[in-house]
C-alpha atoms as a PDB file:
ATOM      1  CA  UNK A   1     -17.379  -4.758 -19.364  1.00  0.00           C
ATOM      2  CA  UNK A   2     -15.565  -2.736 -22.026  1.00  0.00           C
ATOM      3  CA  UNK A   3     -18.150   0.022 -21.672  1.00  0.00           C
ATOM      4  CA  UNK A   4     -17.569   0.125 -17.898  1.00  0.00           C
ATOM      5  CA  UNK A   5     -13.808   0.587 -18.420  1.00  0.00           C
ATOM      6  CA  UNK A   6     -14.366   3.349 -20.982  1.00  0.00           C
ATOM      7  CA  UNK A   7     -16.779   5.211 -18.702  1.00  0.00           C
ATOM      8  CA  UNK A   8     -14.534   4.722 -15.650  1.00  0.00           C
ATOM      9  CA  UNK A   9     -11.367   5.899 -17.395  1.00  0.00           C
ATOM     10  CA  UNK A  10     -13.081   8.930 -18.959  1.00  0.00           C
ATOM     11  CA  UNK A  11     -14.132  10.107 -15.488  1.00  0.00           C
ATOM     12  CA  UNK A  12     -10.606   9.952 -14.021  1.00  0.00           C
ATOM     13  CA  UNK A  13      -8.630  13.159 -13.643  1.00  0.00           C
ATOM     14  CA  UNK A  14      -4.929  13.298 -14.524  1.00  0.00           C
ATOM     15  CA  UNK A  15      -4.166  13.267 -10.806  1.00  0.00           C
ATOM     16  CA  UNK A  16      -6.268  10.119 -10.300  1.00  0.00           C
ATOM     17  CA  UNK A  17      -4.625   8.412 -13.293  1.00  0.00           C
ATOM     18  CA  UNK A  18      -1.189   9.079 -11.794  1.00  0.00           C
ATOM     19  CA  UNK A  19      -2.177   7.956  -8.301  1.00  0.00           C
ATOM     20  CA  UNK A  20      -0.262   4.888  -7.082  1.00  0.00           C
ATOM     21  CA  UNK A  21      -2.374   1.873  -6.146  1.00  0.00           C
ATOM     22  CA  UNK A  22      -0.953  -0.807  -3.860  1.00  0.00           C
ATOM     23  CA  UNK A  23      -2.085  -4.395  -4.438  1.00  0.00           C
ATOM     24  CA  UNK A  24      -1.284  -8.019  -3.716  1.00  0.00           C
ATOM     25  CA  UNK A  25      -0.833 -10.392  -6.663  1.00  0.00           C
ATOM     26  CA  UNK A  26      -2.455 -13.839  -6.633  1.00  0.00           C
ATOM     27  CA  UNK A  27       0.865 -15.390  -5.605  1.00  0.00           C
ATOM     28  CA  UNK A  28       1.051 -13.107  -2.556  1.00  0.00           C
ATOM     29  CA  UNK A  29       3.682 -10.668  -3.842  1.00  0.00           C
ATOM     30  CA  UNK A  30       3.061  -6.983  -3.176  1.00  0.00           C
ATOM     31  CA  UNK A  31       3.099  -4.418  -5.940  1.00  0.00           C
ATOM     32  CA  UNK A  32       2.258  -0.833  -6.750  1.00  0.00           C
ATOM     33  CA  UNK A  33       1.283   0.720 -10.062  1.00  0.00           C
ATOM     34  CA  UNK A  34      -0.381   3.950 -11.103  1.00  0.00           C
ATOM     35  CA  UNK A  35      -4.007   3.725 -12.222  1.00  0.00           C
ATOM     36  CA  UNK A  36      -2.979   4.503 -15.816  1.00  0.00           C
ATOM     37  CA  UNK A  37      -0.458   1.616 -15.777  1.00  0.00           C
ATOM     38  CA  UNK A  38      -3.143  -0.699 -14.375  1.00  0.00           C
ATOM     39  CA  UNK A  39      -5.524   0.301 -17.158  1.00  0.00           C
ATOM     40  CA  UNK A  40      -2.774  -0.263 -19.739  1.00  0.00           C
ATOM     41  CA  UNK A  41      -2.123  -3.690 -18.236  1.00  0.00           C
ATOM     42  CA  UNK A  42      -5.822  -4.593 -18.466  1.00  0.00           C
ATOM     43  CA  UNK A  43      -6.045  -3.416 -22.077  1.00  0.00           C
ATOM     44  CA  UNK A  44      -2.943  -5.364 -23.112  1.00  0.00           C
ATOM     45  CA  UNK A  45      -3.550  -8.443 -20.969  1.00  0.00           C
ATOM     46  CA  UNK A  46      -4.994 -10.587 -23.725  1.00  0.00           C
ATOM     47  CA  UNK A  47      -3.240  -9.040 -26.715  1.00  0.00           C
ATOM     48  CA  UNK A  48      -0.131 -11.124 -26.199  1.00  0.00           C
ATOM     49  CA  UNK A  49      -0.647 -14.807 -25.562  1.00  0.00           C
ATOM     50  CA  UNK A  50       2.127 -15.027 -23.015  1.00  0.00           C
ATOM     51  CA  UNK A  51       1.407 -18.585 -21.986  1.00  0.00           C
ATOM     52  CA  UNK A  52       1.899 -19.967 -25.492  1.00  0.00           C
ATOM     53  CA  UNK A  53       5.081 -17.998 -26.069  1.00  0.00           C
ATOM     54  CA  UNK A  54       6.459 -18.974 -22.650  1.00  0.00           C
ATOM     55  CA  UNK A  55       5.786 -22.625 -23.468  1.00  0.00           C
ATOM     56  CA  UNK A  56       7.693 -22.251 -26.739  1.00  0.00           C
ATOM     57  CA  UNK A  57      10.694 -20.947 -24.743  1.00  0.00           C
ATOM     58  CA  UNK A  58      10.546 -23.968 -22.466  1.00  0.00           C
ATOM     59  CA  UNK A  59      10.574 -26.359 -25.446  1.00  0.00           C
ATOM     60  CA  UNK A  60      13.981 -25.018 -26.586  1.00  0.00           C
ATOM     61  CA  UNK A  61      14.709 -25.286 -23.469  1.00  0.00           C
ATOM     62  CA  UNK A  62      15.124 -21.728 -22.229  1.00  0.00           C
ATOM     63  CA  UNK A  63      13.638 -19.588 -19.487  1.00  0.00           C
ATOM     64  CA  UNK A  64      11.124 -17.076 -20.814  1.00  0.00           C
ATOM     65  CA  UNK A  65      11.534 -13.429 -19.815  1.00  0.00           C
ATOM     66  CA  UNK A  66       9.189 -11.832 -17.306  1.00  0.00           C
ATOM     67  CA  UNK A  67       6.219 -10.686 -19.348  1.00  0.00           C
ATOM     68  CA  UNK A  68       3.776  -9.646 -16.626  1.00  0.00           C
ATOM     69  CA  UNK A  69       3.673  -5.861 -16.173  1.00  0.00           C
ATOM     70  CA  UNK A  70       3.111  -5.831 -12.373  1.00  0.00           C
ATOM     71  CA  UNK A  71       5.962  -8.328 -11.901  1.00  0.00           C
ATOM     72  CA  UNK A  72       8.211  -6.270 -14.197  1.00  0.00           C
ATOM     73  CA  UNK A  73       7.501  -3.132 -12.164  1.00  0.00           C
ATOM     74  CA  UNK A  74       8.199  -4.972  -8.921  1.00  0.00           C
ATOM     75  CA  UNK A  75      11.426  -6.553 -10.182  1.00  0.00           C
ATOM     76  CA  UNK A  76      12.756  -3.311 -11.611  1.00  0.00           C
ATOM     77  CA  UNK A  77      11.488  -1.408  -8.558  1.00  0.00           C
ATOM     78  CA  UNK A  78       9.783   1.185 -10.761  1.00  0.00           C
ATOM     79  CA  UNK A  79       7.310   3.079  -8.665  1.00  0.00           C
ATOM     80  CA  UNK A  80       7.908   1.026  -5.520  1.00  0.00           C
ATOM     81  CA  UNK A  81       7.458   2.661  -2.148  1.00  0.00           C
ATOM     82  CA  UNK A  82       9.757   0.362  -0.186  1.00  0.00           C
END
């Protein structure tokens, strides 16, 4: 799978990397991100064990911050076409 991502990303032009892609998250919320932001999200998805850290927040108790890149973009309206 890693090899596929490397090959795919190497073939993308700068224009394609900056192209906005609309999507629907699993929960039904709409979002939009550029292809380069999507690739960054995929690369970083498992580097930070968000679930464990979020659970630690809840044990305090406190609400964890939004740590999902597509949700962050939607909530801050960065790159939205609404």
